[in-house]
Amino acid sequence: VFWMPHDRSQQVLVRVSGRTPDDKTVVTLFSPARRTKKGFFRGLSKEDAIELLRMNENVLFARFGIWESEKEFMIVASSDHILETFDAEELKTHAMFVALAADAYEAKHGGDEF
């Protein structure tokens, strides 16, 4: 958990997400930023999607994506790395950038769930 300004916090998690063509392990740092219900007038709007694309162009060392379940969308900030070449200092730096991106989006949409 990263502690953010204004008494906010942001979780950053790590998962193994795949392998490179030369068989190195790929890990993804990710942080949930917003949860929205699916359904008419409740899901993501066109404006929300465009906002995420614009943010992807401007945010450093992170990207936004959408995870989908049966009942909701989860907007997450994330970054991918090759585990075998990922040192501790780089991990800390990239995790902070992912946390900052997710928290900024979450704060803009009135939440502090994650």
N, C-alpha and C. Protein backbone atom coordinates (compact mmCIF):
# COMPACT_ATOMS: atom_id res chain seq x y z
N VAL A 1 0.85 -1.18 0.00
CA VAL A 1 0.00 0.00 0.00
C VAL A 1 0.89 1.23 0.00
N PHE A 2 0.58 2.17 -0.88
CA PHE A 2 1.28 3.45 -0.93
C PHE A 2 0.39 4.51 -0.30
N TRP A 3 0.99 5.34 0.52
CA TRP A 3 0.25 6.44 1.14
C TRP A 3 0.40 7.66 0.27
N MET A 4 -0.73 8.23 -0.12
CA MET A 4 -0.80 9.35 -1.04
C MET A 4 -1.10 10.64 -0.29
N PRO A 5 -0.93 11.77 -0.95
CA PRO A 5 -1.32 13.04 -0.33
C PRO A 5 -2.80 13.05 0.04
N HIS A 6 -3.17 13.91 0.95
CA HIS A 6 -4.56 14.12 1.38
C HIS A 6 -5.16 12.89 2.05
N ASP A 7 -4.33 12.16 2.82
CA ASP A 7 -4.78 10.98 3.57
C ASP A 7 -5.39 9.89 2.69
N ARG A 8 -4.88 9.74 1.49
CA ARG A 8 -5.36 8.70 0.58
C ARG A 8 -4.35 7.56 0.56
N SER A 9 -4.79 6.38 0.17
CA SER A 9 -3.89 5.25 0.00
C SER A 9 -4.21 4.55 -1.32
N GLN A 10 -3.24 3.78 -1.82
CA GLN A 10 -3.44 3.08 -3.07
C GLN A 10 -2.71 1.74 -3.04
N GLN A 11 -3.44 0.67 -3.32
CA GLN A 11 -2.86 -0.67 -3.38
C GLN A 11 -2.17 -0.89 -4.73
N VAL A 12 -1.03 -1.55 -4.69
CA VAL A 12 -0.37 -2.02 -5.91
C VAL A 12 -0.09 -3.50 -5.71
N LEU A 13 -0.50 -4.29 -6.68
CA LEU A 13 -0.35 -5.73 -6.62
C LEU A 13 0.53 -6.20 -7.77
N VAL A 14 1.07 -7.40 -7.64
CA VAL A 14 1.93 -7.97 -8.67
C VAL A 14 1.39 -9.35 -9.04
N ARG A 15 1.38 -9.64 -10.34
CA ARG A 15 0.99 -10.97 -10.78
C ARG A 15 1.89 -11.41 -11.93
N VAL A 16 2.10 -12.69 -12.05
CA VAL A 16 2.80 -13.24 -13.21
C VAL A 16 1.82 -13.20 -14.37
N SER A 17 2.23 -12.62 -15.49
CA SER A 17 1.27 -12.44 -16.58
C SER A 17 1.67 -13.12 -17.87
N GLY A 18 2.83 -13.74 -17.91
CA GLY A 18 3.20 -14.43 -19.14
C GLY A 18 4.69 -14.68 -19.23
N ARG A 19 5.10 -15.03 -20.45
CA ARG A 19 6.51 -15.31 -20.73
C ARG A 19 6.90 -14.61 -22.02
N THR A 20 8.15 -14.20 -22.09
CA THR A 20 8.68 -13.59 -23.32
C THR A 20 9.01 -14.71 -24.31
N PRO A 21 9.25 -14.36 -25.57
CA PRO A 21 9.62 -15.40 -26.55
C PRO A 21 10.88 -16.18 -26.16
N ASP A 22 11.78 -15.54 -25.38
CA ASP A 22 12.99 -16.25 -24.94
C ASP A 22 12.83 -16.84 -23.54
N ASP A 23 11.57 -17.03 -23.11
CA ASP A 23 11.19 -17.75 -21.90
C ASP A 23 11.54 -17.05 -20.58
N LYS A 24 11.53 -15.73 -20.59
CA LYS A 24 11.67 -14.98 -19.34
C LYS A 24 10.27 -14.70 -18.78
N THR A 25 10.19 -14.52 -17.47
CA THR A 25 8.91 -14.30 -16.80
C THR A 25 8.50 -12.84 -16.89
N VAL A 26 7.26 -12.60 -17.30
CA VAL A 26 6.71 -11.24 -17.34
C VAL A 26 5.80 -11.07 -16.13
N VAL A 27 6.03 -10.00 -15.38
CA VAL A 27 5.16 -9.67 -14.25
C VAL A 27 4.47 -8.34 -14.54
N THR A 28 3.27 -8.21 -14.01
CA THR A 28 2.50 -6.98 -14.17
C THR A 28 2.26 -6.38 -12.79
N LEU A 29 2.63 -5.12 -12.64
CA LEU A 29 2.26 -4.33 -11.47
C LEU A 29 0.92 -3.71 -11.81
N PHE A 30 -0.06 -3.79 -10.92
CA PHE A 30 -1.36 -3.20 -11.24
C PHE A 30 -2.00 -2.63 -9.99
N SER A 31 -2.86 -1.65 -10.23
CA SER A 31 -3.57 -1.00 -9.14
C SER A 31 -4.98 -0.67 -9.59
N PRO A 32 -5.99 -1.19 -8.91
CA PRO A 32 -7.37 -0.85 -9.26
C PRO A 32 -7.63 0.63 -9.05
N ALA A 33 -8.43 1.21 -9.94
CA ALA A 33 -8.70 2.64 -9.85
C ALA A 33 -10.18 2.98 -9.78
N ARG A 34 -11.02 2.13 -10.33
CA ARG A 34 -12.46 2.43 -10.33
C ARG A 34 -13.23 1.16 -10.68
N ARG A 35 -14.35 1.00 -10.05
CA ARG A 35 -15.24 -0.12 -10.33
C ARG A 35 -16.56 0.48 -10.85
N THR A 36 -17.05 -0.05 -11.97
CA THR A 36 -18.34 0.42 -12.49
C THR A 36 -19.20 -0.79 -12.82
N LYS A 37 -20.47 -0.67 -12.56
CA LYS A 37 -21.42 -1.74 -12.85
C LYS A 37 -21.70 -1.77 -14.34
N LYS A 38 -22.01 -2.94 -14.83
CA LYS A 38 -22.45 -3.08 -16.21
C LYS A 38 -23.95 -2.79 -16.27
N GLY A 39 -24.40 -2.46 -17.44
CA GLY A 39 -25.84 -2.26 -17.61
C GLY A 39 -26.13 -0.91 -18.22
N PHE A 40 -27.34 -0.79 -18.69
CA PHE A 40 -27.79 0.44 -19.35
C PHE A 40 -27.65 1.63 -18.42
N PHE A 41 -26.95 2.66 -18.86
CA PHE A 41 -26.71 3.90 -18.11
C PHE A 41 -25.87 3.72 -16.85
N ARG A 42 -25.22 2.56 -16.68
CA ARG A 42 -24.44 2.37 -15.45
C ARG A 42 -22.98 2.08 -15.73
N GLY A 43 -22.65 1.65 -16.91
CA GLY A 43 -21.29 1.26 -17.24
C GLY A 43 -20.43 2.44 -17.64
N LEU A 44 -19.39 2.14 -18.38
CA LEU A 44 -18.48 3.17 -18.86
C LEU A 44 -19.12 3.89 -20.04
N SER A 45 -19.01 5.18 -20.02
CA SER A 45 -19.53 5.97 -21.14
C SER A 45 -18.44 6.13 -22.21
N LYS A 46 -18.83 6.61 -23.35
CA LYS A 46 -17.87 6.92 -24.42
C LYS A 46 -16.86 7.94 -23.91
N GLU A 47 -17.32 8.91 -23.14
CA GLU A 47 -16.43 9.94 -22.60
C GLU A 47 -15.40 9.34 -21.63
N ASP A 48 -15.84 8.35 -20.82
CA ASP A 48 -14.91 7.65 -19.92
C ASP A 48 -13.81 6.95 -20.72
N ALA A 49 -14.20 6.28 -21.80
CA ALA A 49 -13.23 5.55 -22.62
C ALA A 49 -12.25 6.51 -23.27
N ILE A 50 -12.73 7.62 -23.78
CA ILE A 50 -11.85 8.61 -24.40
C ILE A 50 -10.92 9.21 -23.36
N GLU A 51 -11.43 9.47 -22.17
CA GLU A 51 -10.59 9.98 -21.09
C GLU A 51 -9.44 9.02 -20.79
N LEU A 52 -9.73 7.73 -20.72
CA LEU A 52 -8.68 6.74 -20.45
C LEU A 52 -7.63 6.72 -21.56
N LEU A 53 -8.06 6.82 -22.80
CA LEU A 53 -7.11 6.86 -23.92
C LEU A 53 -6.23 8.10 -23.83
N ARG A 54 -6.82 9.23 -23.51
CA ARG A 54 -6.02 10.47 -23.36
C ARG A 54 -5.02 10.33 -22.22
N MET A 55 -5.47 9.76 -21.11
CA MET A 55 -4.57 9.58 -19.97
C MET A 55 -3.43 8.63 -20.33
N ASN A 56 -3.71 7.59 -21.10
CA ASN A 56 -2.65 6.67 -21.52
C ASN A 56 -1.54 7.40 -22.27
N GLU A 57 -1.89 8.40 -23.01
CA GLU A 57 -0.89 9.15 -23.76
C GLU A 57 -0.05 10.05 -22.86
N ASN A 58 -0.59 10.45 -21.73
CA ASN A 58 0.09 11.43 -20.87
C ASN A 58 0.74 10.87 -19.61
N VAL A 59 0.32 9.72 -19.15
CA VAL A 59 0.84 9.17 -17.91
C VAL A 59 2.20 8.51 -18.17
N LEU A 60 3.11 8.64 -17.21
CA LEU A 60 4.43 8.03 -17.33
C LEU A 60 4.46 6.68 -16.63
N PHE A 61 5.10 5.70 -17.26
CA PHE A 61 5.38 4.39 -16.67
C PHE A 61 4.14 3.64 -16.18
N ALA A 62 3.02 3.86 -16.81
CA ALA A 62 1.79 3.13 -16.49
C ALA A 62 0.85 3.24 -17.69
N ARG A 63 -0.15 2.41 -17.69
CA ARG A 63 -1.21 2.49 -18.70
C ARG A 63 -2.51 2.12 -18.01
N PHE A 64 -3.61 2.55 -18.60
CA PHE A 64 -4.92 2.18 -18.07
C PHE A 64 -5.54 1.11 -18.95
N GLY A 65 -6.26 0.22 -18.30
CA GLY A 65 -6.97 -0.82 -19.00
C GLY A 65 -8.24 -1.16 -18.25
N ILE A 66 -9.02 -2.04 -18.83
CA ILE A 66 -10.29 -2.43 -18.24
C ILE A 66 -10.32 -3.95 -18.09
N TRP A 67 -10.58 -4.40 -16.89
CA TRP A 67 -10.83 -5.82 -16.64
C TRP A 67 -12.34 -5.97 -16.55
N GLU A 68 -12.85 -7.01 -17.13
CA GLU A 68 -14.30 -7.19 -17.19
C GLU A 68 -14.70 -8.49 -16.51
N SER A 69 -15.71 -8.41 -15.67
CA SER A 69 -16.33 -9.60 -15.10
C SER A 69 -17.78 -9.62 -15.57
N GLU A 70 -18.51 -10.58 -15.09
CA GLU A 70 -19.91 -10.72 -15.51
C GLU A 70 -20.75 -9.49 -15.15
N LYS A 71 -20.45 -8.87 -13.99
CA LYS A 71 -21.31 -7.80 -13.49
C LYS A 71 -20.70 -6.41 -13.49
N GLU A 72 -19.37 -6.31 -13.72
CA GLU A 72 -18.76 -4.98 -13.62
C GLU A 72 -17.50 -4.86 -14.46
N PHE A 73 -17.09 -3.61 -14.63
CA PHE A 73 -15.80 -3.27 -15.21
C PHE A 73 -14.90 -2.79 -14.08
N MET A 74 -13.61 -3.14 -14.15
CA MET A 74 -12.64 -2.63 -13.20
C MET A 74 -11.57 -1.90 -14.02
N ILE A 75 -11.40 -0.62 -13.75
CA ILE A 75 -10.36 0.15 -14.41
C ILE A 75 -9.11 0.03 -13.56
N VAL A 76 -8.01 -0.34 -14.20
CA VAL A 76 -6.75 -0.53 -13.50
C VAL A 76 -5.63 0.23 -14.22
N ALA A 77 -4.67 0.68 -13.43
CA ALA A 77 -3.41 1.18 -13.98
C ALA A 77 -2.41 0.03 -13.84
N SER A 78 -1.54 -0.13 -14.83
CA SER A 78 -0.60 -1.25 -14.77
C SER A 78 0.66 -0.97 -15.59
N SER A 79 1.66 -1.80 -15.36
CA SER A 79 2.88 -1.81 -16.19
C SER A 79 3.47 -3.21 -16.16
N ASP A 80 4.10 -3.59 -17.27
CA ASP A 80 4.67 -4.93 -17.41
C ASP A 80 6.19 -4.85 -17.35
N HIS A 81 6.80 -5.93 -16.80
CA HIS A 81 8.26 -5.96 -16.64
C HIS A 81 8.77 -7.39 -16.76
N ILE A 82 10.01 -7.51 -17.17
CA ILE A 82 10.67 -8.81 -17.21
C ILE A 82 11.30 -9.04 -15.84
N LEU A 83 10.83 -10.06 -15.17
CA LEU A 83 11.23 -10.32 -13.79
C LEU A 83 12.74 -10.50 -13.64
N GLU A 84 13.35 -11.20 -14.54
CA GLU A 84 14.78 -11.52 -14.42
C GLU A 84 15.68 -10.28 -14.51
N THR A 85 15.15 -9.17 -15.04
CA THR A 85 15.98 -7.96 -15.16
C THR A 85 15.39 -6.80 -14.36
N PHE A 86 14.47 -7.09 -13.48
CA PHE A 86 13.73 -6.07 -12.73
C PHE A 86 14.32 -5.95 -11.33
N ASP A 87 15.13 -4.91 -11.08
CA ASP A 87 15.76 -4.79 -9.77
C ASP A 87 14.85 -4.09 -8.76
N ALA A 88 15.22 -4.14 -7.52
CA ALA A 88 14.38 -3.65 -6.41
C ALA A 88 14.06 -2.16 -6.53
N GLU A 89 15.05 -1.36 -6.90
CA GLU A 89 14.83 0.08 -7.02
C GLU A 89 13.85 0.40 -8.15
N GLU A 90 13.99 -0.31 -9.26
CA GLU A 90 13.09 -0.14 -10.39
C GLU A 90 11.67 -0.57 -10.00
N LEU A 91 11.54 -1.65 -9.26
CA LEU A 91 10.24 -2.11 -8.78
C LEU A 91 9.56 -1.02 -7.95
N LYS A 92 10.29 -0.44 -7.02
CA LYS A 92 9.73 0.62 -6.17
C LYS A 92 9.27 1.82 -7.01
N THR A 93 10.10 2.23 -7.95
CA THR A 93 9.79 3.39 -8.79
C THR A 93 8.55 3.13 -9.64
N HIS A 94 8.52 1.99 -10.31
CA HIS A 94 7.39 1.70 -11.19
C HIS A 94 6.10 1.47 -10.40
N ALA A 95 6.20 0.83 -9.24
CA ALA A 95 5.01 0.65 -8.40
C ALA A 95 4.45 2.00 -7.97
N MET A 96 5.32 2.95 -7.65
CA MET A 96 4.85 4.29 -7.26
C MET A 96 4.15 4.98 -8.43
N PHE A 97 4.69 4.88 -9.64
CA PHE A 97 4.04 5.50 -10.80
C PHE A 97 2.68 4.88 -11.08
N VAL A 98 2.58 3.57 -10.94
CA VAL A 98 1.29 2.89 -11.13
C VAL A 98 0.30 3.36 -10.06
N ALA A 99 0.76 3.45 -8.81
CA ALA A 99 -0.10 3.92 -7.71
C ALA A 99 -0.56 5.35 -7.94
N LEU A 100 0.35 6.21 -8.36
CA LEU A 100 0.00 7.62 -8.61
C LEU A 100 -1.04 7.75 -9.72
N ALA A 101 -0.85 7.00 -10.80
CA ALA A 101 -1.80 7.05 -11.91
C ALA A 101 -3.18 6.57 -11.47
N ALA A 102 -3.23 5.43 -10.79
CA ALA A 102 -4.51 4.88 -10.34
C ALA A 102 -5.19 5.81 -9.34
N ASP A 103 -4.42 6.33 -8.41
CA ASP A 103 -5.01 7.20 -7.39
C ASP A 103 -5.54 8.50 -7.99
N ALA A 104 -4.83 9.06 -8.95
CA ALA A 104 -5.30 10.29 -9.60
C ALA A 104 -6.63 10.04 -10.31
N TYR A 105 -6.75 8.92 -11.00
CA TYR A 105 -8.00 8.60 -11.68
C TYR A 105 -9.12 8.34 -10.66
N GLU A 106 -8.79 7.59 -9.62
CA GLU A 106 -9.78 7.28 -8.59
C GLU A 106 -10.26 8.55 -7.89
N ALA A 107 -9.35 9.43 -7.56
CA ALA A 107 -9.71 10.70 -6.89
C ALA A 107 -10.59 11.55 -7.79
N LYS A 108 -10.26 11.59 -9.08
CA LYS A 108 -11.06 12.38 -10.02
C LYS A 108 -12.50 11.90 -10.10
N HIS A 109 -12.70 10.62 -9.84
CA HIS A 109 -14.04 10.05 -9.90
C HIS A 109 -14.65 9.84 -8.51
N GLY A 110 -14.08 10.53 -7.52
CA GLY A 110 -14.70 10.62 -6.20
C GLY A 110 -14.52 9.43 -5.29
N GLY A 111 -13.54 8.59 -5.54
CA GLY A 111 -13.39 7.42 -4.70
C GLY A 111 -12.06 7.34 -3.97
N ASP A 112 -12.01 6.46 -3.00
CA ASP A 112 -10.76 6.06 -2.34
C ASP A 112 -10.96 4.64 -1.83
N GLU A 113 -11.43 3.77 -2.70
CA GLU A 113 -11.73 2.38 -2.34
C GLU A 113 -10.48 1.52 -2.31
N PHE A 114 -9.53 1.85 -3.18
CA PHE A 114 -8.39 0.97 -3.36
C PHE A 114 -7.12 1.59 -2.78
